[in-house]
C-alpha atoms as a PDB file:
ATOM      1  CA  UNK A   1       8.791   9.142  40.936  1.00  0.00           C
ATOM      2  CA  UNK A   2      12.174   9.895  39.399  1.00  0.00           C
ATOM      3  CA  UNK A   3      13.511  11.554  36.295  1.00  0.00           C
ATOM      4  CA  UNK A   4      14.794   8.757  34.039  1.00  0.00           C
ATOM      5  CA  UNK A   5      17.376   8.466  31.262  1.00  0.00           C
ATOM      6  CA  UNK A   6      17.433   5.274  29.206  1.00  0.00           C
ATOM      7  CA  UNK A   7      15.137   3.711  31.816  1.00  0.00           C
ATOM      8  CA  UNK A   8      17.486   4.434  34.706  1.00  0.00           C
ATOM      9  CA  UNK A   9      17.092   6.835  37.606  1.00  0.00           C
ATOM     10  CA  UNK A  10      19.069  10.054  37.161  1.00  0.00           C
ATOM     11  CA  UNK A  11      21.301  11.354  39.907  1.00  0.00           C
ATOM     12  CA  UNK A  12      21.084  15.091  39.498  1.00  0.00           C
ATOM     13  CA  UNK A  13      24.605  16.310  38.668  1.00  0.00           C
ATOM     14  CA  UNK A  14      26.251  19.655  39.188  1.00  0.00           C
ATOM     15  CA  UNK A  15      26.185  20.368  35.445  1.00  0.00           C
ATOM     16  CA  UNK A  16      24.473  19.294  32.241  1.00  0.00           C
ATOM     17  CA  UNK A  17      27.823  18.193  30.805  1.00  0.00           C
ATOM     18  CA  UNK A  18      28.311  15.818  33.728  1.00  0.00           C
ATOM     19  CA  UNK A  19      24.893  14.279  33.079  1.00  0.00           C
ATOM     20  CA  UNK A  20      25.495  13.634  29.373  1.00  0.00           C
ATOM     21  CA  UNK A  21      28.906  12.127  30.110  1.00  0.00           C
ATOM     22  CA  UNK A  22      27.108   9.536  32.209  1.00  0.00           C
ATOM     23  CA  UNK A  23      24.556   8.931  29.427  1.00  0.00           C
ATOM     24  CA  UNK A  24      26.188   8.838  25.959  1.00  0.00           C
ATOM     25  CA  UNK A  25      22.825   8.715  24.154  1.00  0.00           C
ATOM     26  CA  UNK A  26      21.957  12.147  25.573  1.00  0.00           C
ATOM     27  CA  UNK A  27      25.275  13.491  24.317  1.00  0.00           C
ATOM     28  CA  UNK A  28      24.688  12.046  20.854  1.00  0.00           C
ATOM     29  CA  UNK A  29      21.170  13.518  20.606  1.00  0.00           C
ATOM     30  CA  UNK A  30      22.474  16.945  21.644  1.00  0.00           C
ATOM     31  CA  UNK A  31      25.258  16.726  19.043  1.00  0.00           C
ATOM     32  CA  UNK A  32      22.800  15.826  16.284  1.00  0.00           C
ATOM     33  CA  UNK A  33      20.467  18.692  17.225  1.00  0.00           C
ATOM     34  CA  UNK A  34      23.306  21.226  17.309  1.00  0.00           C
ATOM     35  CA  UNK A  35      24.440  20.032  13.892  1.00  0.00           C
ATOM     36  CA  UNK A  36      21.119  20.701  12.165  1.00  0.00           C
ATOM     37  CA  UNK A  37      20.592  23.698   9.906  1.00  0.00           C
ATOM     38  CA  UNK A  38      17.961  26.171  11.067  1.00  0.00           C
ATOM     39  CA  UNK A  39      14.584  25.744   9.367  1.00  0.00           C
ATOM     40  CA  UNK A  40      12.432  28.791   8.640  1.00  0.00           C
ATOM     41  CA  UNK A  41       8.944  27.885   9.851  1.00  0.00           C
ATOM     42  CA  UNK A  42       5.995  29.514   8.107  1.00  0.00           C
ATOM     43  CA  UNK A  43       2.630  30.382   9.646  1.00  0.00           C
ATOM     44  CA  UNK A  44       0.700  27.359   8.346  1.00  0.00           C
ATOM     45  CA  UNK A  45      -0.203  25.155  11.290  1.00  0.00           C
ATOM     46  CA  UNK A  46       2.089  27.089  13.651  1.00  0.00           C
ATOM     47  CA  UNK A  47       1.387  28.250  17.188  1.00  0.00           C
ATOM     48  CA  UNK A  48       4.288  30.420  18.345  1.00  0.00           C
ATOM     49  CA  UNK A  49       5.091  30.482  22.071  1.00  0.00           C
ATOM     50  CA  UNK A  50       6.620  33.599  23.567  1.00  0.00           C
ATOM     51  CA  UNK A  51       8.638  33.946  26.768  1.00  0.00           C
ATOM     52  CA  UNK A  52       6.681  32.846  29.871  1.00  0.00           C
ATOM     53  CA  UNK A  53       3.993  31.229  27.730  1.00  0.00           C
ATOM     54  CA  UNK A  54       2.796  27.638  27.502  1.00  0.00           C
ATOM     55  CA  UNK A  55       0.958  25.899  24.663  1.00  0.00           C
ATOM     56  CA  UNK A  56      -0.417  22.365  24.545  1.00  0.00           C
ATOM     57  CA  UNK A  57      -2.233  20.405  21.858  1.00  0.00           C
ATOM     58  CA  UNK A  58      -2.498  16.916  20.364  1.00  0.00           C
ATOM     59  CA  UNK A  59      -2.406  15.281  16.920  1.00  0.00           C
ATOM     60  CA  UNK A  60      -6.204  15.528  16.832  1.00  0.00           C
ATOM     61  CA  UNK A  61      -5.928  19.325  16.494  1.00  0.00           C
ATOM     62  CA  UNK A  62      -7.090  20.254  12.996  1.00  0.00           C
ATOM     63  CA  UNK A  63      -5.524  23.744  13.042  1.00  0.00           C
ATOM     64  CA  UNK A  64      -2.199  23.463  14.877  1.00  0.00           C
ATOM     65  CA  UNK A  65       0.458  20.946  13.853  1.00  0.00           C
ATOM     66  CA  UNK A  66       3.618  22.792  14.997  1.00  0.00           C
ATOM     67  CA  UNK A  67       4.543  24.412  18.304  1.00  0.00           C
ATOM     68  CA  UNK A  68       7.645  26.572  18.353  1.00  0.00           C
ATOM     69  CA  UNK A  69       9.632  29.267  20.115  1.00  0.00           C
ATOM     70  CA  UNK A  70      12.912  31.105  19.652  1.00  0.00           C
ATOM     71  CA  UNK A  71      14.969  34.066  20.931  1.00  0.00           C
ATOM     72  CA  UNK A  72      16.081  31.924  23.890  1.00  0.00           C
ATOM     73  CA  UNK A  73      19.432  33.062  25.286  1.00  0.00           C
ATOM     74  CA  UNK A  74      19.569  32.172  28.988  1.00  0.00           C
ATOM     75  CA  UNK A  75      15.963  30.922  28.708  1.00  0.00           C
ATOM     76  CA  UNK A  76      15.188  27.238  28.125  1.00  0.00           C
ATOM     77  CA  UNK A  77      12.546  25.809  25.791  1.00  0.00           C
ATOM     78  CA  UNK A  78      10.820  22.777  27.310  1.00  0.00           C
ATOM     79  CA  UNK A  79       8.884  20.158  25.356  1.00  0.00           C
ATOM     80  CA  UNK A  80       6.903  17.521  27.262  1.00  0.00           C
ATOM     81  CA  UNK A  81       5.136  14.827  25.244  1.00  0.00           C
ATOM     82  CA  UNK A  82       2.990  11.801  26.019  1.00  0.00           C
ATOM     83  CA  UNK A  83       4.006   9.050  23.603  1.00  0.00           C
ATOM     84  CA  UNK A  84       0.631   7.300  23.831  1.00  0.00           C
ATOM     85  CA  UNK A  85      -1.730  10.021  22.643  1.00  0.00           C
ATOM     86  CA  UNK A  86       0.843  12.481  21.274  1.00  0.00           C
ATOM     87  CA  UNK A  87      -0.272  15.330  23.559  1.00  0.00           C
ATOM     88  CA  UNK A  88       2.554  17.870  23.447  1.00  0.00           C
ATOM     89  CA  UNK A  89       3.342  20.931  25.553  1.00  0.00           C
ATOM     90  CA  UNK A  90       5.959  23.558  24.683  1.00  0.00           C
ATOM     91  CA  UNK A  91       7.021  26.224  27.173  1.00  0.00           C
ATOM     92  CA  UNK A  92       9.537  29.070  27.039  1.00  0.00           C
ATOM     93  CA  UNK A  93      10.921  29.244  30.591  1.00  0.00           C
ATOM     94  CA  UNK A  94      12.993  32.156  31.907  1.00  0.00           C
ATOM     95  CA  UNK A  95      13.442  31.055  35.510  1.00  0.00           C
ATOM     96  CA  UNK A  96      10.882  33.484  36.937  1.00  0.00           C
ATOM     97  CA  UNK A  97       8.989  30.733  38.778  1.00  0.00           C
ATOM     98  CA  UNK A  98      10.193  27.293  37.676  1.00  0.00           C
ATOM     99  CA  UNK A  99       8.704  25.640  40.753  1.00  0.00           C
ATOM    100  CA  UNK A 100       5.214  26.689  39.644  1.00  0.00           C
ATOM    101  CA  UNK A 101       5.783  26.253  35.900  1.00  0.00           C
ATOM    102  CA  UNK A 102       6.724  22.562  35.915  1.00  0.00           C
ATOM    103  CA  UNK A 103       3.452  21.414  37.576  1.00  0.00           C
ATOM    104  CA  UNK A 104       1.563  23.555  35.039  1.00  0.00           C
ATOM    105  CA  UNK A 105       3.402  21.779  32.216  1.00  0.00           C
ATOM    106  CA  UNK A 106       2.574  18.398  33.764  1.00  0.00           C
ATOM    107  CA  UNK A 107      -1.098  19.240  34.286  1.00  0.00           C
ATOM    108  CA  UNK A 108      -1.467  20.558  30.741  1.00  0.00           C
ATOM    109  CA  UNK A 109      -0.445  17.152  29.360  1.00  0.00           C
ATOM    110  CA  UNK A 110      -2.567  15.257  31.865  1.00  0.00           C
ATOM    111  CA  UNK A 111      -5.619  17.218  30.712  1.00  0.00           C
ATOM    112  CA  UNK A 112      -5.253  15.392  27.360  1.00  0.00           C
ATOM    113  CA  UNK A 113      -4.330  12.010  28.778  1.00  0.00           C
ATOM    114  CA  UNK A 114      -6.260   8.961  29.835  1.00  0.00           C
ATOM    115  CA  UNK A 115      -4.441   7.548  32.873  1.00  0.00           C
ATOM    116  CA  UNK A 116      -5.019   4.008  31.607  1.00  0.00           C
ATOM    117  CA  UNK A 117      -3.473   4.861  28.251  1.00  0.00           C
ATOM    118  CA  UNK A 118      -0.229   3.211  27.166  1.00  0.00           C
ATOM    119  CA  UNK A 119       2.794   5.380  26.631  1.00  0.00           C
ATOM    120  CA  UNK A 120       5.205   7.443  28.666  1.00  0.00           C
ATOM    121  CA  UNK A 121       6.102  11.074  29.357  1.00  0.00           C
ATOM    122  CA  UNK A 122       9.194  12.335  27.537  1.00  0.00           C
ATOM    123  CA  UNK A 123      10.859  15.697  28.179  1.00  0.00           C
ATOM    124  CA  UNK A 124      13.242  17.689  25.987  1.00  0.00           C
ATOM    125  CA  UNK A 125      15.230  20.683  27.303  1.00  0.00           C
ATOM    126  CA  UNK A 126      16.958  23.078  24.893  1.00  0.00           C
ATOM    127  CA  UNK A 127      18.512  26.508  25.420  1.00  0.00           C
ATOM    128  CA  UNK A 128      20.866  28.575  27.507  1.00  0.00           C
ATOM    129  CA  UNK A 129      24.628  28.932  27.189  1.00  0.00           C
ATOM    130  CA  UNK A 130      27.698  29.547  29.368  1.00  0.00           C
ATOM    131  CA  UNK A 131      26.705  33.058  30.407  1.00  0.00           C
ATOM    132  CA  UNK A 132      28.832  35.060  32.836  1.00  0.00           C
ATOM    133  CA  UNK A 133      26.077  35.274  35.469  1.00  0.00           C
ATOM    134  CA  UNK A 134      25.415  31.506  35.300  1.00  0.00           C
ATOM    135  CA  UNK A 135      21.692  32.137  34.854  1.00  0.00           C
ATOM    136  CA  UNK A 136      21.474  29.324  32.299  1.00  0.00           C
ATOM    137  CA  UNK A 137      23.178  26.882  34.645  1.00  0.00           C
ATOM    138  CA  UNK A 138      20.799  27.832  37.440  1.00  0.00           C
ATOM    139  CA  UNK A 139      17.723  27.359  35.228  1.00  0.00           C
ATOM    140  CA  UNK A 140      18.974  23.983  33.958  1.00  0.00           C
ATOM    141  CA  UNK A 141      19.337  22.755  37.533  1.00  0.00           C
ATOM    142  CA  UNK A 142      15.938  24.142  38.543  1.00  0.00           C
ATOM    143  CA  UNK A 143      14.154  22.393  35.672  1.00  0.00           C
ATOM    144  CA  UNK A 144      15.878  19.053  36.219  1.00  0.00           C
ATOM    145  CA  UNK A 145      15.174  19.246  39.961  1.00  0.00           C
ATOM    146  CA  UNK A 146      11.496  20.112  39.548  1.00  0.00           C
ATOM    147  CA  UNK A 147      10.841  17.394  36.973  1.00  0.00           C
ATOM    148  CA  UNK A 148      12.586  14.940  39.284  1.00  0.00           C
ATOM    149  CA  UNK A 149      10.121  15.863  42.069  1.00  0.00           C
ATOM    150  CA  UNK A 150       6.978  15.051  40.057  1.00  0.00           C
ATOM    151  CA  UNK A 151       4.814  12.031  40.890  1.00  0.00           C
ATOM    152  CA  UNK A 152       5.066  10.537  37.385  1.00  0.00           C
ATOM    153  CA  UNK A 153       8.002   8.844  35.668  1.00  0.00           C
ATOM    154  CA  UNK A 154       9.462  11.357  33.208  1.00  0.00           C
ATOM    155  CA  UNK A 155      11.996  10.218  30.622  1.00  0.00           C
ATOM    156  CA  UNK A 156      14.669  12.787  29.744  1.00  0.00           C
ATOM    157  CA  UNK A 157      15.242  12.343  25.989  1.00  0.00           C
ATOM    158  CA  UNK A 158      16.962  15.563  24.898  1.00  0.00           C
ATOM    159  CA  UNK A 159      19.341  17.741  26.938  1.00  0.00           C
ATOM    160  CA  UNK A 160      20.958  20.474  24.859  1.00  0.00           C
ATOM    161  CA  UNK A 161      21.350  23.242  27.424  1.00  0.00           C
ATOM    162  CA  UNK A 162      23.885  25.659  28.916  1.00  0.00           C
ATOM    163  CA  UNK A 163      27.463  24.424  28.231  1.00  0.00           C
ATOM    164  CA  UNK A 164      26.083  21.842  25.781  1.00  0.00           C
ATOM    165  CA  UNK A 165      24.556  24.693  23.739  1.00  0.00           C
ATOM    166  CA  UNK A 166      27.491  27.090  23.900  1.00  0.00           C
ATOM    167  CA  UNK A 167      29.862  28.548  21.338  1.00  0.00           C
ATOM    168  CA  UNK A 168      32.647  31.081  21.877  1.00  0.00           C
ATOM    169  CA  UNK A 169      33.566  33.921  19.545  1.00  0.00           C
ATOM    170  CA  UNK A 170      36.114  36.658  20.347  1.00  0.00           C
ATOM    171  CA  UNK A 171      36.065  35.605  24.002  1.00  0.00           C
ATOM    172  CA  UNK A 172      32.292  36.080  24.173  1.00  0.00           C
ATOM    173  CA  UNK A 173      29.833  33.204  24.635  1.00  0.00           C
ATOM    174  CA  UNK A 174      26.649  32.677  22.606  1.00  0.00           C
ATOM    175  CA  UNK A 175      23.954  30.009  22.330  1.00  0.00           C
ATOM    176  CA  UNK A 176      24.213  27.651  19.372  1.00  0.00           C
ATOM    177  CA  UNK A 177      20.462  26.984  19.279  1.00  0.00           C
ATOM    178  CA  UNK A 178      18.105  29.917  19.846  1.00  0.00           C
ATOM    179  CA  UNK A 179      14.852  28.257  18.810  1.00  0.00           C
ATOM    180  CA  UNK A 180      13.156  24.936  18.178  1.00  0.00           C
ATOM    181  CA  UNK A 181       9.900  23.600  16.786  1.00  0.00           C
ATOM    182  CA  UNK A 182       8.091  20.346  17.430  1.00  0.00           C
ATOM    183  CA  UNK A 183       5.864  18.601  14.910  1.00  0.00           C
ATOM    184  CA  UNK A 184       2.840  17.414  16.882  1.00  0.00           C
ATOM    185  CA  UNK A 185       2.025  14.561  14.536  1.00  0.00           C
ATOM    186  CA  UNK A 186       5.533  13.109  14.019  1.00  0.00           C
ATOM    187  CA  UNK A 187       7.147  14.189  17.337  1.00  0.00           C
ATOM    188  CA  UNK A 188      10.146  15.559  15.402  1.00  0.00           C
ATOM    189  CA  UNK A 189      12.041  18.327  17.225  1.00  0.00           C
ATOM    190  CA  UNK A 190      14.263  20.555  15.100  1.00  0.00           C
ATOM    191  CA  UNK A 191      16.128  23.862  15.069  1.00  0.00           C
ATOM    192  CA  UNK A 192      13.854  26.642  13.864  1.00  0.00           C
ATOM    193  CA  UNK A 193      13.277  30.350  13.450  1.00  0.00           C
ATOM    194  CA  UNK A 194       9.990  32.149  12.914  1.00  0.00           C
ATOM    195  CA  UNK A 195       8.738  35.220  11.072  1.00  0.00           C
ATOM    196  CA  UNK A 196       5.145  34.885  12.261  1.00  0.00           C
ATOM    197  CA  UNK A 197       4.839  35.246  16.050  1.00  0.00           C
ATOM    198  CA  UNK A 198       1.130  36.002  16.230  1.00  0.00           C
ATOM    199  CA  UNK A 199      -1.517  36.419  17.180  1.00  0.00           C
ATOM    200  CA  UNK A 200      -1.130  39.748  19.030  1.00  0.00           C
ATOM    201  CA  UNK A 201       2.672  39.548  19.058  1.00  0.00           C
ATOM    202  CA  UNK A 202       3.231  42.986  20.599  1.00  0.00           C
ATOM    203  CA  UNK A 203       0.530  42.566  23.235  1.00  0.00           C
ATOM    204  CA  UNK A 204       1.963  39.239  24.363  1.00  0.00           C
ATOM    205  CA  UNK A 205       5.532  40.584  24.314  1.00  0.00           C
ATOM    206  CA  UNK A 206       4.425  43.579  26.389  1.00  0.00           C
ATOM    207  CA  UNK A 207       2.994  41.240  29.000  1.00  0.00           C
ATOM    208  CA  UNK A 208       6.331  39.434  29.343  1.00  0.00           C
ATOM    209  CA  UNK A 209       8.338  42.668  29.332  1.00  0.00           C
ATOM    210  CA  UNK A 210       6.138  44.368  31.912  1.00  0.00           C
ATOM    211  CA  UNK A 211       6.450  41.379  34.240  1.00  0.00           C
ATOM    212  CA  UNK A 212      10.241  41.102  34.137  1.00  0.00           C
ATOM    213  CA  UNK A 213      13.101  42.911  35.882  1.00  0.00           C
ATOM    214  CA  UNK A 214      15.383  43.184  32.831  1.00  0.00           C
ATOM    215  CA  UNK A 215      15.181  43.990  29.134  1.00  0.00           C
ATOM    216  CA  UNK A 216      17.777  41.268  28.605  1.00  0.00           C
ATOM    217  CA  UNK A 217      19.705  38.844  30.786  1.00  0.00           C
ATOM    218  CA  UNK A 218      22.468  38.604  28.159  1.00  0.00           C
ATOM    219  CA  UNK A 219      22.641  41.643  25.815  1.00  0.00           C
ATOM    220  CA  UNK A 220      25.703  40.498  23.859  1.00  0.00           C
ATOM    221  CA  UNK A 221      24.092  37.162  23.012  1.00  0.00           C
ATOM    222  CA  UNK A 222      20.738  38.459  21.776  1.00  0.00           C
ATOM    223  CA  UNK A 223      19.759  37.827  18.121  1.00  0.00           C
ATOM    224  CA  UNK A 224      20.026  40.726  15.616  1.00  0.00           C
ATOM    225  CA  UNK A 225      16.326  41.623  15.692  1.00  0.00           C
ATOM    226  CA  UNK A 226      16.224  41.928  19.495  1.00  0.00           C
ATOM    227  CA  UNK A 227      16.606  45.732  19.650  1.00  0.00           C
ATOM    228  CA  UNK A 228      13.822  46.310  17.121  1.00  0.00           C
ATOM    229  CA  UNK A 229      11.625  43.842  19.006  1.00  0.00           C
ATOM    230  CA  UNK A 230      12.121  45.724  22.296  1.00  0.00           C
ATOM    231  CA  UNK A 231      11.580  49.090  20.581  1.00  0.00           C
ATOM    232  CA  UNK A 232       8.262  48.011  19.045  1.00  0.00           C
ATOM    233  CA  UNK A 233       7.133  46.509  22.363  1.00  0.00           C
ATOM    234  CA  UNK A 234       7.949  49.725  24.255  1.00  0.00           C
ATOM    235  CA  UNK A 235       6.077  51.743  21.618  1.00  0.00           C
ATOM    236  CA  UNK A 236       3.089  49.450  22.129  1.00  0.00           C
ATOM    237  CA  UNK A 237       3.216  50.041  25.895  1.00  0.00           C
ATOM    238  CA  UNK A 238       3.426  53.788  25.296  1.00  0.00           C
ATOM    239  CA  UNK A 239       0.347  53.621  23.066  1.00  0.00           C
ATOM    240  CA  UNK A 240      -1.532  51.329  25.471  1.00  0.00           C
ATOM    241  CA  UNK A 241      -0.233  52.111  28.991  1.00  0.00           C
ATOM    242  CA  UNK A 242      -3.150  50.166  30.499  1.00  0.00           C
ATOM    243  CA  UNK A 243      -3.821  47.452  27.907  1.00  0.00           C
ATOM    244  CA  UNK A 244      -6.046  45.463  30.262  1.00  0.00           C
ATOM    245  CA  UNK A 245      -8.580  48.320  30.355  1.00  0.00           C
ATOM    246  CA  UNK A 246      -8.301  49.383  26.708  1.00  0.00           C
ATOM    247  CA  UNK A 247      -7.955  46.061  24.889  1.00  0.00           C
ATOM    248  CA  UNK A 248      -9.929  43.834  27.272  1.00  0.00           C
ATOM    249  CA  UNK A 249     -12.957  45.870  28.410  1.00  0.00           C
ATOM    250  CA  UNK A 250     -15.130  43.810  30.676  1.00  0.00           C
ATOM    251  CA  UNK A 251     -12.232  41.359  31.003  1.00  0.00           C
ATOM    252  CA  UNK A 252     -13.321  39.613  27.787  1.00  0.00           C
ATOM    253  CA  UNK A 253     -10.824  37.472  25.889  1.00  0.00           C
ATOM    254  CA  UNK A 254      -9.582  38.109  22.366  1.00  0.00           C
ATOM    255  CA  UNK A 255     -10.327  35.004  20.306  1.00  0.00           C
ATOM    256  CA  UNK A 256      -8.540  33.919  17.136  1.00  0.00           C
ATOM    257  CA  UNK A 257      -8.618  31.024  14.705  1.00  0.00           C
ATOM    258  CA  UNK A 258      -6.438  29.867  11.826  1.00  0.00           C
ATOM    259  CA  UNK A 259      -7.934  30.722   8.432  1.00  0.00           C
ATOM    260  CA  UNK A 260      -7.531  28.680   5.248  1.00  0.00           C
ATOM    261  CA  UNK A 261      -4.169  30.353   4.540  1.00  0.00           C
ATOM    262  CA  UNK A 262      -2.862  29.329   7.956  1.00  0.00           C
ATOM    263  CA  UNK A 263      -2.918  32.896   9.297  1.00  0.00           C
ATOM    264  CA  UNK A 264      -4.489  34.055  12.533  1.00  0.00           C
ATOM    265  CA  UNK A 265      -7.885  35.682  12.162  1.00  0.00           C
ATOM    266  CA  UNK A 266      -9.800  37.402  14.926  1.00  0.00           C
ATOM    267  CA  UNK A 267     -13.211  35.827  15.485  1.00  0.00           C
ATOM    268  CA  UNK A 268     -14.236  37.803  18.527  1.00  0.00           C
ATOM    269  CA  UNK A 269     -13.509  41.165  20.029  1.00  0.00           C
ATOM    270  CA  UNK A 270     -14.423  42.684  23.384  1.00  0.00           C
ATOM    271  CA  UNK A 271     -18.070  43.607  23.557  1.00  0.00           C
ATOM    272  CA  UNK A 272     -19.097  41.387  20.630  1.00  0.00           C
END
């Protein structure tokens, strides 16, 4: 089944700008999102999603009410939501394996959904900019193409990517929006930044760093805290060169829950 905009089948264009020109509502939604001020999101009810991670929940979740991610330069943040039951998935995609990631996103939502339930699937794509290597443009096209190949109707509601998310300063290009959050209960999507990136921020960042070919796809466009983030992640890898053996003996998971203050609290450790 096709990717739809305003109930009509989308012909995949050569660029995101070409697509929004054909669908003025998409252009207006992107303009409104770009025009928002950035909200600082606290830890209460938040599940932060790092690069190459996926999170899914529903309004029935008593602990998590916000999914969010930031630090996206050439990366794209994808939100897929079922309007019937409110099940929401947020993913931070970097183009490593988009063909495999999109079915994972779809299946994560379907795991919450009753096929007979009313409602539709809506997708929001945010991130990227007009980078010199055209990595953002490539990822935009990959995501649109893969969603278009899925068996279900998917309604494209927000497209604020690549040239639609670009600003120029001193002949250098930067993203306008680096991060977004989605309120699971209200479905509101808004510009956001985050201080709390737990649980196990360094461990999760090390996983993404160890699995990637580059420290950065766009060094000039990275946010101010990027260097410190990479330094702390490399120090973590130096301290734990084989984290799987040291931190996960017996291949047992680390389990966390939100406490009454909204902070992550470990409830299980390997061997317990």
